[in-house]
PDB file of N, CA and C in Angstrom:
ATOM      1  N   UNK A   1      16.468 -20.557  15.181  1.00  0.00           N
ATOM      2  CA  UNK A   1      17.891 -20.910  14.955  1.00  0.00           C
ATOM      3  C   UNK A   1      18.729 -19.250  14.772  1.00  0.00           C
ATOM      4  N   UNK A   2      18.135 -18.356  14.484  1.00  0.00           N
ATOM      5  CA  UNK A   2      18.421 -16.915  14.423  1.00  0.00           C
ATOM      6  C   UNK A   2      17.275 -16.127  14.131  1.00  0.00           C
ATOM      7  N   UNK A   3      17.891 -15.085  15.280  1.00  0.00           N
ATOM      8  CA  UNK A   3      16.700 -14.198  15.627  1.00  0.00           C
ATOM      9  C   UNK A   3      16.663 -13.009  14.502  1.00  0.00           C
ATOM     10  N   UNK A   4      15.869 -13.070  13.753  1.00  0.00           N
ATOM     11  CA  UNK A   4      15.817 -11.784  12.523  1.00  0.00           C
ATOM     12  C   UNK A   4      15.138 -10.682  12.846  1.00  0.00           C
ATOM     13  N   UNK A   5      15.655  -9.918  12.557  1.00  0.00           N
ATOM     14  CA  UNK A   5      14.887  -8.376  13.228  1.00  0.00           C
ATOM     15  C   UNK A   5      15.065  -7.558  11.811  1.00  0.00           C
ATOM     16  N   UNK A   6      14.350  -6.585  12.216  1.00  0.00           N
ATOM     17  CA  UNK A   6      14.160  -5.795  10.890  1.00  0.00           C
ATOM     18  C   UNK A   6      14.054  -4.085  11.240  1.00  0.00           C
ATOM     19  N   UNK A   7      14.861  -3.257  10.919  1.00  0.00           N
ATOM     20  CA  UNK A   7      14.930  -2.282  11.342  1.00  0.00           C
ATOM     21  C   UNK A   7      15.321  -0.659  10.144  1.00  0.00           C
ATOM     22  N   UNK A   8      14.501  -0.065   9.981  1.00  0.00           N
ATOM     23  CA  UNK A   8      14.625   0.959   9.023  1.00  0.00           C
ATOM     24  C   UNK A   8      16.072   1.775   9.006  1.00  0.00           C
ATOM     25  N   UNK A   9      16.870   1.949   7.699  1.00  0.00           N
ATOM     26  CA  UNK A   9      18.052   2.324   7.596  1.00  0.00           C
ATOM     27  C   UNK A   9      17.782   3.877   7.474  1.00  0.00           C
ATOM     28  N   UNK A  10      18.407   4.554   8.197  1.00  0.00           N
ATOM     29  CA  UNK A  10      18.426   6.037   8.060  1.00  0.00           C
ATOM     30  C   UNK A  10      18.141   6.900   7.087  1.00  0.00           C
ATOM     31  N   UNK A  11      17.552   7.596   6.317  1.00  0.00           N
ATOM     32  CA  UNK A  11      17.417   8.186   5.076  1.00  0.00           C
ATOM     33  C   UNK A  11      17.668   9.520   5.266  1.00  0.00           C
ATOM     34  N   UNK A  12      18.333  10.060   4.763  1.00  0.00           N
ATOM     35  CA  UNK A  12      18.670  12.018   5.026  1.00  0.00           C
ATOM     36  C   UNK A  12      18.044  12.708   3.914  1.00  0.00           C
ATOM     37  N   UNK A  13      17.154  11.917   3.167  1.00  0.00           N
ATOM     38  CA  UNK A  13      16.398  12.612   2.074  1.00  0.00           C
ATOM     39  C   UNK A  13      15.106  13.563   2.526  1.00  0.00           C
ATOM     40  N   UNK A  14      14.890  14.741   1.929  1.00  0.00           N
ATOM     41  CA  UNK A  14      13.952  15.606   2.353  1.00  0.00           C
ATOM     42  C   UNK A  14      12.269  15.016   2.065  1.00  0.00           C
ATOM     43  N   UNK A  15      11.408  14.967   2.677  1.00  0.00           N
ATOM     44  CA  UNK A  15      10.288  14.846   1.594  1.00  0.00           C
ATOM     45  C   UNK A  15       9.508  13.291   2.438  1.00  0.00           C
ATOM     46  N   UNK A  16       8.676  12.728   1.820  1.00  0.00           N
ATOM     47  CA  UNK A  16       8.116  11.764   1.818  1.00  0.00           C
ATOM     48  C   UNK A  16       8.991  10.339   1.230  1.00  0.00           C
ATOM     49  N   UNK A  17       9.991  10.530   1.450  1.00  0.00           N
ATOM     50  CA  UNK A  17      11.226   9.439   0.518  1.00  0.00           C
ATOM     51  C   UNK A  17      10.814   8.348   1.578  1.00  0.00           C
ATOM     52  N   UNK A  18      10.782   6.989   0.753  1.00  0.00           N
ATOM     53  CA  UNK A  18      10.870   5.690   1.488  1.00  0.00           C
ATOM     54  C   UNK A  18      11.967   5.042   1.915  1.00  0.00           C
ATOM     55  N   UNK A  19      11.902   4.647   3.122  1.00  0.00           N
ATOM     56  CA  UNK A  19      13.239   4.109   3.714  1.00  0.00           C
ATOM     57  C   UNK A  19      13.241   2.824   3.495  1.00  0.00           C
ATOM     58  N   UNK A  20      14.707   2.636   2.905  1.00  0.00           N
ATOM     59  CA  UNK A  20      15.218   1.445   2.829  1.00  0.00           C
ATOM     60  C   UNK A  20      15.025   0.130   4.025  1.00  0.00           C
ATOM     61  N   UNK A  21      14.855  -1.284   4.005  1.00  0.00           N
ATOM     62  CA  UNK A  21      14.525  -2.010   4.752  1.00  0.00           C
ATOM     63  C   UNK A  21      16.313  -2.542   5.065  1.00  0.00           C
ATOM     64  N   UNK A  22      16.616  -2.569   6.133  1.00  0.00           N
ATOM     65  CA  UNK A  22      17.831  -3.511   6.292  1.00  0.00           C
ATOM     66  C   UNK A  22      17.671  -4.566   7.132  1.00  0.00           C
ATOM     67  N   UNK A  23      17.418  -5.761   6.672  1.00  0.00           N
ATOM     68  CA  UNK A  23      17.251  -6.986   7.594  1.00  0.00           C
ATOM     69  C   UNK A  23      18.610  -7.303   8.553  1.00  0.00           C
ATOM     70  N   UNK A  24      18.172  -7.556  10.024  1.00  0.00           N
ATOM     71  CA  UNK A  24      19.482  -7.887  10.650  1.00  0.00           C
ATOM     72  C   UNK A  24      19.366  -9.302  11.098  1.00  0.00           C
ATOM     73  N   UNK A  25      20.622  -9.983  10.975  1.00  0.00           N
ATOM     74  CA  UNK A  25      20.539 -11.566  11.195  1.00  0.00           C
ATOM     75  C   UNK A  25      21.715 -11.626  12.242  1.00  0.00           C
ATOM     76  N   UNK A  26      21.057 -12.361  13.228  1.00  0.00           N
ATOM     77  CA  UNK A  26      21.653 -12.307  14.578  1.00  0.00           C
ATOM     78  C   UNK A  26      22.511 -13.762  14.666  1.00  0.00           C
ATOM     79  N   UNK A  27      23.759 -13.817  14.266  1.00  0.00           N
ATOM     80  CA  UNK A  27      24.628 -15.427  14.050  1.00  0.00           C
ATOM     81  C   UNK A  27      25.557 -15.238  15.318  1.00  0.00           C
ATOM     82  N   UNK A  28      25.504 -14.199  16.430  1.00  0.00           N
ATOM     83  CA  UNK A  28      26.551 -14.363  17.300  1.00  0.00           C
ATOM     84  C   UNK A  28      26.860 -15.554  18.133  1.00  0.00           C
ATOM     85  N   UNK A  29      25.816 -16.539  18.015  1.00  0.00           N
ATOM     86  CA  UNK A  29      26.013 -17.431  18.603  1.00  0.00           C
ATOM     87  C   UNK A  29      26.649 -18.887  17.769  1.00  0.00           C
ATOM     88  N   UNK A  30      26.965 -18.938  16.774  1.00  0.00           N
ATOM     89  CA  UNK A  30      27.405 -19.775  15.651  1.00  0.00           C
ATOM     90  C   UNK A  30      29.272 -19.542  16.079  1.00  0.00           C
ATOM     91  N   UNK A  31      29.387 -20.800  15.836  1.00  0.00           N
ATOM     92  CA  UNK A  31      30.907 -20.896  16.427  1.00  0.00           C
ATOM     93  C   UNK A  31      31.551 -21.420  15.246  1.00  0.00           C
ATOM     94  N   UNK A  32      30.743 -22.581  14.345  1.00  0.00           N
ATOM     95  CA  UNK A  32      31.518 -23.204  13.659  1.00  0.00           C
ATOM     96  C   UNK A  32      30.736 -23.139  12.371  1.00  0.00           C
ATOM     97  N   UNK A  33      30.870 -22.925  11.152  1.00  0.00           N
ATOM     98  CA  UNK A  33      30.422 -23.184  10.094  1.00  0.00           C
ATOM     99  C   UNK A  33      29.618 -21.625   9.834  1.00  0.00           C
ATOM    100  N   UNK A  34      30.473 -20.572  10.214  1.00  0.00           N
ATOM    101  CA  UNK A  34      29.965 -19.340   9.977  1.00  0.00           C
ATOM    102  C   UNK A  34      29.554 -18.648   8.426  1.00  0.00           C
ATOM    103  N   UNK A  35      30.331 -18.925   7.525  1.00  0.00           N
ATOM    104  CA  UNK A  35      30.073 -18.586   6.466  1.00  0.00           C
ATOM    105  C   UNK A  35      28.995 -19.312   5.524  1.00  0.00           C
ATOM    106  N   UNK A  36      28.741 -20.727   5.747  1.00  0.00           N
ATOM    107  CA  UNK A  36      27.761 -21.491   5.197  1.00  0.00           C
ATOM    108  C   UNK A  36      26.204 -20.992   6.050  1.00  0.00           C
ATOM    109  N   UNK A  37      26.626 -20.332   6.981  1.00  0.00           N
ATOM    110  CA  UNK A  37      25.513 -20.010   8.005  1.00  0.00           C
ATOM    111  C   UNK A  37      24.885 -18.506   7.251  1.00  0.00           C
ATOM    112  N   UNK A  38      26.002 -17.573   7.055  1.00  0.00           N
ATOM    113  CA  UNK A  38      25.829 -16.529   6.586  1.00  0.00           C
ATOM    114  C   UNK A  38      25.223 -16.731   5.015  1.00  0.00           C
ATOM    115  N   UNK A  39      25.559 -17.595   4.262  1.00  0.00           N
ATOM    116  CA  UNK A  39      25.260 -17.570   2.902  1.00  0.00           C
ATOM    117  C   UNK A  39      23.523 -18.302   2.921  1.00  0.00           C
ATOM    118  N   UNK A  40      23.347 -19.188   3.748  1.00  0.00           N
ATOM    119  CA  UNK A  40      21.837 -19.955   3.825  1.00  0.00           C
ATOM    120  C   UNK A  40      21.147 -18.374   4.332  1.00  0.00           C
ATOM    121  N   UNK A  41      21.019 -17.585   5.280  1.00  0.00           N
ATOM    122  CA  UNK A  41      20.662 -16.403   5.440  1.00  0.00           C
ATOM    123  C   UNK A  41      20.452 -15.632   4.592  1.00  0.00           C
ATOM    124  N   UNK A  42      21.684 -15.171   3.687  1.00  0.00           N
ATOM    125  CA  UNK A  42      21.137 -14.363   2.510  1.00  0.00           C
ATOM    126  C   UNK A  42      20.302 -14.801   1.263  1.00  0.00           C
ATOM    127  N   UNK A  43      20.506 -16.078   1.183  1.00  0.00           N
ATOM    128  CA  UNK A  43      19.318 -17.015   0.086  1.00  0.00           C
ATOM    129  C   UNK A  43      18.288 -16.546   0.586  1.00  0.00           C
ATOM    130  N   UNK A  44      17.557 -16.149   1.791  1.00  0.00           N
ATOM    131  CA  UNK A  44      16.252 -16.007   2.078  1.00  0.00           C
ATOM    132  C   UNK A  44      15.648 -14.721   2.186  1.00  0.00           C
ATOM    133  N   UNK A  45      16.633 -13.829   1.713  1.00  0.00           N
ATOM    134  CA  UNK A  45      16.637 -12.079   1.899  1.00  0.00           C
ATOM    135  C   UNK A  45      15.634 -12.054   0.824  1.00  0.00           C
ATOM    136  N   UNK A  46      14.527 -10.927   1.268  1.00  0.00           N
ATOM    137  CA  UNK A  46      13.611 -10.138   0.211  1.00  0.00           C
ATOM    138  C   UNK A  46      14.479  -8.759  -0.025  1.00  0.00           C
ATOM    139  N   UNK A  47      15.240  -8.407   0.694  1.00  0.00           N
ATOM    140  CA  UNK A  47      15.747  -7.179   0.783  1.00  0.00           C
ATOM    141  C   UNK A  47      16.992  -6.985   0.156  1.00  0.00           C
ATOM    142  N   UNK A  48      17.549  -5.929  -0.013  1.00  0.00           N
ATOM    143  CA  UNK A  48      18.967  -6.015  -0.931  1.00  0.00           C
ATOM    144  C   UNK A  48      20.177  -5.387   0.064  1.00  0.00           C
ATOM    145  N   UNK A  49      19.506  -5.442   1.380  1.00  0.00           N
ATOM    146  CA  UNK A  49      20.821  -5.136   2.005  1.00  0.00           C
ATOM    147  C   UNK A  49      20.438  -6.231   3.894  1.00  0.00           C
ATOM    148  N   UNK A  50      21.550  -6.495   4.384  1.00  0.00           N
ATOM    149  CA  UNK A  50      21.506  -7.170   5.813  1.00  0.00           C
ATOM    150  C   UNK A  50      22.950  -7.138   6.490  1.00  0.00           C
ATOM    151  N   UNK A  51      22.268  -6.936   7.520  1.00  0.00           N
ATOM    152  CA  UNK A  51      23.537  -6.374   8.761  1.00  0.00           C
ATOM    153  C   UNK A  51      23.511  -7.744   9.310  1.00  0.00           C
ATOM    154  N   UNK A  52      24.601  -8.438   9.325  1.00  0.00           N
ATOM    155  CA  UNK A  52      25.070  -9.928  10.014  1.00  0.00           C
ATOM    156  C   UNK A  52      25.846  -9.442  11.060  1.00  0.00           C
ATOM    157  N   UNK A  53      24.946  -9.840  12.740  1.00  0.00           N
ATOM    158  CA  UNK A  53      25.896  -9.716  13.674  1.00  0.00           C
ATOM    159  C   UNK A  53      26.596 -11.269  13.860  1.00  0.00           C
ATOM    160  N   UNK A  54      27.987 -11.037  14.188  1.00  0.00           N
ATOM    161  CA  UNK A  54      28.717 -12.300  14.397  1.00  0.00           C
ATOM    162  C   UNK A  54      29.475 -12.198  15.525  1.00  0.00           C
ATOM    163  N   UNK A  55      30.378 -12.569  16.429  1.00  0.00           N
ATOM    164  CA  UNK A  55      31.209 -12.699  17.525  1.00  0.00           C
ATOM    165  C   UNK A  55      32.176 -11.687  17.261  1.00  0.00           C
ATOM    166  N   UNK A  56      32.444 -11.091  18.478  1.00  0.00           N
ATOM    167  CA  UNK A  56      33.519  -9.881  17.960  1.00  0.00           C
ATOM    168  C   UNK A  56      34.916 -10.877  17.714  1.00  0.00           C
ATOM    169  N   UNK A  57      35.769  -9.924  16.617  1.00  0.00           N
ATOM    170  CA  UNK A  57      37.081 -10.631  16.371  1.00  0.00           C
ATOM    171  C   UNK A  57      37.180 -11.338  15.267  1.00  0.00           C
ATOM    172  N   UNK A  58      35.998 -11.829  14.367  1.00  0.00           N
ATOM    173  CA  UNK A  58      35.639 -12.775  13.530  1.00  0.00           C
ATOM    174  C   UNK A  58      36.084 -12.537  12.072  1.00  0.00           C
ATOM    175  N   UNK A  59      35.961 -11.142  12.078  1.00  0.00           N
ATOM    176  CA  UNK A  59      36.161 -10.599  10.686  1.00  0.00           C
ATOM    177  C   UNK A  59      37.262 -11.199   9.688  1.00  0.00           C
ATOM    178  N   UNK A  60      38.037 -11.281  10.109  1.00  0.00           N
ATOM    179  CA  UNK A  60      39.281 -12.301   9.184  1.00  0.00           C
ATOM    180  C   UNK A  60      38.634 -13.757   8.618  1.00  0.00           C
ATOM    181  N   UNK A  61      37.844 -14.110   9.714  1.00  0.00           N
ATOM    182  CA  UNK A  61      37.279 -15.471   8.972  1.00  0.00           C
ATOM    183  C   UNK A  61      36.489 -15.039   7.620  1.00  0.00           C
ATOM    184  N   UNK A  62      35.610 -14.292   7.877  1.00  0.00           N
ATOM    185  CA  UNK A  62      34.312 -13.825   6.787  1.00  0.00           C
ATOM    186  C   UNK A  62      35.061 -13.329   5.421  1.00  0.00           C
ATOM    187  N   UNK A  63      36.304 -12.626   6.073  1.00  0.00           N
ATOM    188  CA  UNK A  63      36.933 -12.238   4.711  1.00  0.00           C
ATOM    189  C   UNK A  63      37.410 -13.263   4.036  1.00  0.00           C
ATOM    190  N   UNK A  64      38.112 -14.179   4.667  1.00  0.00           N
ATOM    191  CA  UNK A  64      38.610 -15.491   4.152  1.00  0.00           C
ATOM    192  C   UNK A  64      37.480 -16.046   3.460  1.00  0.00           C
ATOM    193  N   UNK A  65      36.446 -16.062   3.801  1.00  0.00           N
ATOM    194  CA  UNK A  65      35.262 -16.911   3.474  1.00  0.00           C
ATOM    195  C   UNK A  65      34.820 -16.496   2.005  1.00  0.00           C
ATOM    196  N   UNK A  66      34.405 -15.069   2.051  1.00  0.00           N
ATOM    197  CA  UNK A  66      33.983 -14.887   0.934  1.00  0.00           C
ATOM    198  C   UNK A  66      35.021 -14.267   0.140  1.00  0.00           C
ATOM    199  N   UNK A  67      35.818 -13.899   0.193  1.00  0.00           N
ATOM    200  CA  UNK A  67      37.218 -13.475  -0.650  1.00  0.00           C
ATOM    201  C   UNK A  67      36.525 -12.489  -1.424  1.00  0.00           C
ATOM    202  N   UNK A  68      36.889 -12.446  -2.803  1.00  0.00           N
ATOM    203  CA  UNK A  68      36.544 -11.520  -3.920  1.00  0.00           C
ATOM    204  C   UNK A  68      34.932 -12.327  -4.849  1.00  0.00           C
ATOM    205  N   UNK A  69      34.392 -11.748  -5.381  1.00  0.00           N
ATOM    206  CA  UNK A  69      33.578 -12.101  -5.994  1.00  0.00           C
ATOM    207  C   UNK A  69      31.992 -12.393  -5.296  1.00  0.00           C
ATOM    208  N   UNK A  70      31.429 -13.175  -5.762  1.00  0.00           N
ATOM    209  CA  UNK A  70      30.053 -13.707  -5.418  1.00  0.00           C
ATOM    210  C   UNK A  70      28.910 -12.294  -5.549  1.00  0.00           C
ATOM    211  N   UNK A  71      27.550 -12.770  -4.889  1.00  0.00           N
ATOM    212  CA  UNK A  71      26.634 -11.740  -5.182  1.00  0.00           C
ATOM    213  C   UNK A  71      26.446 -10.926  -4.494  1.00  0.00           C
ATOM    214  N   UNK A  72      26.987 -10.878  -3.276  1.00  0.00           N
ATOM    215  CA  UNK A  72      27.230  -9.611  -2.417  1.00  0.00           C
ATOM    216  C   UNK A  72      28.228  -8.915  -2.034  1.00  0.00           C
ATOM    217  N   UNK A  73      28.488  -7.642  -1.810  1.00  0.00           N
ATOM    218  CA  UNK A  73      29.374  -6.766  -1.235  1.00  0.00           C
ATOM    219  C   UNK A  73      29.217  -7.064  -0.170  1.00  0.00           C
ATOM    220  N   UNK A  74      30.489  -6.810   0.954  1.00  0.00           N
ATOM    221  CA  UNK A  74      30.263  -6.821   2.551  1.00  0.00           C
ATOM    222  C   UNK A  74      31.081  -5.659   2.794  1.00  0.00           C
ATOM    223  N   UNK A  75      30.872  -4.805   3.814  1.00  0.00           N
ATOM    224  CA  UNK A  75      31.885  -3.727   4.758  1.00  0.00           C
ATOM    225  C   UNK A  75      31.520  -4.276   6.136  1.00  0.00           C
ATOM    226  N   UNK A  76      32.468  -3.931   6.845  1.00  0.00           N
ATOM    227  CA  UNK A  76      32.437  -3.988   8.332  1.00  0.00           C
ATOM    228  C   UNK A  76      32.071  -2.743   8.773  1.00  0.00           C
ATOM    229  N   UNK A  77      31.182  -2.457   9.539  1.00  0.00           N
ATOM    230  CA  UNK A  77      30.549  -1.308  10.278  1.00  0.00           C
ATOM    231  C   UNK A  77      30.961  -1.445  11.739  1.00  0.00           C
ATOM    232  N   UNK A  78      30.925  -0.114  12.123  1.00  0.00           N
ATOM    233  CA  UNK A  78      31.369   0.042  13.700  1.00  0.00           C
ATOM    234  C   UNK A  78      30.195  -0.704  14.383  1.00  0.00           C
ATOM    235  N   UNK A  79      30.575  -1.263  15.816  1.00  0.00           N
ATOM    236  CA  UNK A  79      29.809  -1.981  16.504  1.00  0.00           C
ATOM    237  C   UNK A  79      30.387  -2.137  17.900  1.00  0.00           C
ATOM    238  N   UNK A  80      29.519  -2.265  18.861  1.00  0.00           N
ATOM    239  CA  UNK A  80      29.840  -2.599  20.039  1.00  0.00           C
ATOM    240  C   UNK A  80      29.618  -3.711  21.000  1.00  0.00           C
ATOM    241  N   UNK A  81      30.690  -4.655  20.824  1.00  0.00           N
ATOM    242  CA  UNK A  81      30.170  -6.020  21.710  1.00  0.00           C
ATOM    243  C   UNK A  81      30.167  -7.087  20.854  1.00  0.00           C
ATOM    244  N   UNK A  82      30.287  -6.724  19.479  1.00  0.00           N
ATOM    245  CA  UNK A  82      29.937  -7.773  18.250  1.00  0.00           C
ATOM    246  C   UNK A  82      31.006  -7.225  16.932  1.00  0.00           C
ATOM    247  N   UNK A  83      30.690  -8.339  16.238  1.00  0.00           N
ATOM    248  CA  UNK A  83      30.891  -7.925  15.040  1.00  0.00           C
ATOM    249  C   UNK A  83      29.843  -7.773  14.266  1.00  0.00           C
ATOM    250  N   UNK A  84      29.903  -6.295  13.132  1.00  0.00           N
ATOM    251  CA  UNK A  84      28.472  -6.211  12.295  1.00  0.00           C
ATOM    252  C   UNK A  84      29.141  -6.035  10.999  1.00  0.00           C
ATOM    253  N   UNK A  85      28.781  -7.183  10.175  1.00  0.00           N
ATOM    254  CA  UNK A  85      29.022  -7.134   8.546  1.00  0.00           C
ATOM    255  C   UNK A  85      27.785  -6.611   7.923  1.00  0.00           C
ATOM    256  N   UNK A  86      28.136  -5.475   7.279  1.00  0.00           N
ATOM    257  CA  UNK A  86      26.707  -5.445   5.888  1.00  0.00           C
ATOM    258  C   UNK A  86      26.895  -5.864   4.696  1.00  0.00           C
ATOM    259  N   UNK A  87      25.986  -6.469   4.273  1.00  0.00           N
ATOM    260  CA  UNK A  87      25.783  -7.375   2.755  1.00  0.00           C
ATOM    261  C   UNK A  87      24.954  -6.321   1.749  1.00  0.00           C
ATOM    262  N   UNK A  88      25.386  -6.157   0.898  1.00  0.00           N
ATOM    263  CA  UNK A  88      24.502  -5.603  -0.089  1.00  0.00           C
ATOM    264  C   UNK A  88      24.702  -6.407  -1.280  1.00  0.00           C
ATOM    265  N   UNK A  89      23.621  -6.465  -1.600  1.00  0.00           N
ATOM    266  CA  UNK A  89      23.296  -7.416  -3.225  1.00  0.00           C
ATOM    267  C   UNK A  89      23.794  -6.665  -4.519  1.00  0.00           C
ATOM    268  N   UNK A  90      24.571  -7.121  -5.025  1.00  0.00           N
ATOM    269  CA  UNK A  90      25.277  -6.466  -6.097  1.00  0.00           C
ATOM    270  C   UNK A  90      24.142  -6.510  -7.316  1.00  0.00           C
ATOM    271  N   UNK A  91      24.015  -5.403  -7.923  1.00  0.00           N
ATOM    272  CA  UNK A  91      23.242  -5.265  -9.242  1.00  0.00           C
ATOM    273  C   UNK A  91      23.462  -6.648 -10.037  1.00  0.00           C
ATOM    274  N   UNK A  92      22.335  -6.774 -10.895  1.00  0.00           N
ATOM    275  CA  UNK A  92      22.518  -8.095 -11.748  1.00  0.00           C
ATOM    276  C   UNK A  92      23.628  -7.945 -12.930  1.00  0.00           C
ATOM    277  N   UNK A  93      23.664  -6.832 -13.333  1.00  0.00           N
ATOM    278  CA  UNK A  93      24.635  -6.668 -14.770  1.00  0.00           C
ATOM    279  C   UNK A  93      26.071  -6.689 -13.915  1.00  0.00           C
ATOM    280  N   UNK A  94      26.064  -6.985 -12.639  1.00  0.00           N
ATOM    281  CA  UNK A  94      27.612  -6.860 -11.929  1.00  0.00           C
ATOM    282  C   UNK A  94      28.096  -8.320 -11.893  1.00  0.00           C
ATOM    283  N   UNK A  95      27.083  -9.314 -11.942  1.00  0.00           N
ATOM    284  CA  UNK A  95      27.170 -10.674 -11.575  1.00  0.00           C
ATOM    285  C   UNK A  95      27.675 -11.465 -13.366  1.00  0.00           C
ATOM    286  N   UNK A  96      27.507 -10.780 -14.052  1.00  0.00           N
ATOM    287  CA  UNK A  96      28.121 -11.272 -15.260  1.00  0.00           C
ATOM    288  C   UNK A  96      29.440 -11.216 -15.191  1.00  0.00           C
ATOM    289  N   UNK A  97      30.033 -12.548 -15.134  1.00  0.00           N
ATOM    290  CA  UNK A  97      31.765 -12.398 -14.760  1.00  0.00           C
ATOM    291  C   UNK A  97      32.334 -13.234 -16.141  1.00  0.00           C
ATOM    292  N   UNK A  98      33.385 -12.697 -16.194  1.00  0.00           N
ATOM    293  CA  UNK A  98      34.118 -13.143 -17.442  1.00  0.00           C
ATOM    294  C   UNK A  98      34.655 -14.553 -17.002  1.00  0.00           C
ATOM    295  N   UNK A  99      34.514 -15.720 -18.150  1.00  0.00           N
ATOM    296  CA  UNK A  99      34.649 -16.771 -17.896  1.00  0.00           C
ATOM    297  C   UNK A  99      35.993 -17.062 -18.875  1.00  0.00           C
ATOM    298  N   UNK A 100      37.129 -17.901 -17.909  1.00  0.00           N
ATOM    299  CA  UNK A 100      38.229 -18.105 -18.671  1.00  0.00           C
ATOM    300  C   UNK A 100      38.582 -19.605 -18.062  1.00  0.00           C
ATOM    301  N   UNK A 101      37.682 -20.466 -19.013  1.00  0.00           N
ATOM    302  CA  UNK A 101      37.937 -21.911 -18.627  1.00  0.00           C
ATOM    303  C   UNK A 101      38.753 -22.357 -20.031  1.00  0.00           C
ATOM    304  N   UNK A 102      39.497 -23.281 -20.022  1.00  0.00           N
ATOM    305  CA  UNK A 102      40.543 -23.742 -21.115  1.00  0.00           C
ATOM    306  C   UNK A 102      39.351 -24.237 -21.893  1.00  0.00           C
ATOM    307  N   UNK A 103      38.526 -24.514 -21.841  1.00  0.00           N
ATOM    308  CA  UNK A 103      37.396 -25.222 -23.130  1.00  0.00           C
ATOM    309  C   UNK A 103      37.188 -24.138 -23.833  1.00  0.00           C
ATOM    310  N   UNK A 104      37.096 -22.849 -23.495  1.00  0.00           N
ATOM    311  CA  UNK A 104      36.303 -22.025 -24.090  1.00  0.00           C
ATOM    312  C   UNK A 104      37.822 -21.281 -25.253  1.00  0.00           C
ATOM    313  N   UNK A 105      38.896 -21.956 -25.363  1.00  0.00           N
ATOM    314  CA  UNK A 105      40.017 -21.570 -26.287  1.00  0.00           C
ATOM    315  C   UNK A 105      40.120 -22.609 -27.122  1.00  0.00           C
TER     316      UNK A 105
END
């Protein structure tokens, strides 16, 4: 369904520092159900970052679909001919959310 590729993220550190692996997920072919497809792909990740390739001009749908919160932060990166959203896994301590349920009062 998707062509998953790996490429090293550039590391400006000197010496033998280990480079982080950024997984690239190609979803440019997805025209319907893009947000669920992204979520399914992110569930299978072993790394903390992923570049998701999407159709050009689809940024608004991604922003509306993910909104605020969730397990991943994302930003749009400059790209040519397609959209590129970089998703970064949030640290576990940031996942503790304030619950404001009426049952708690």
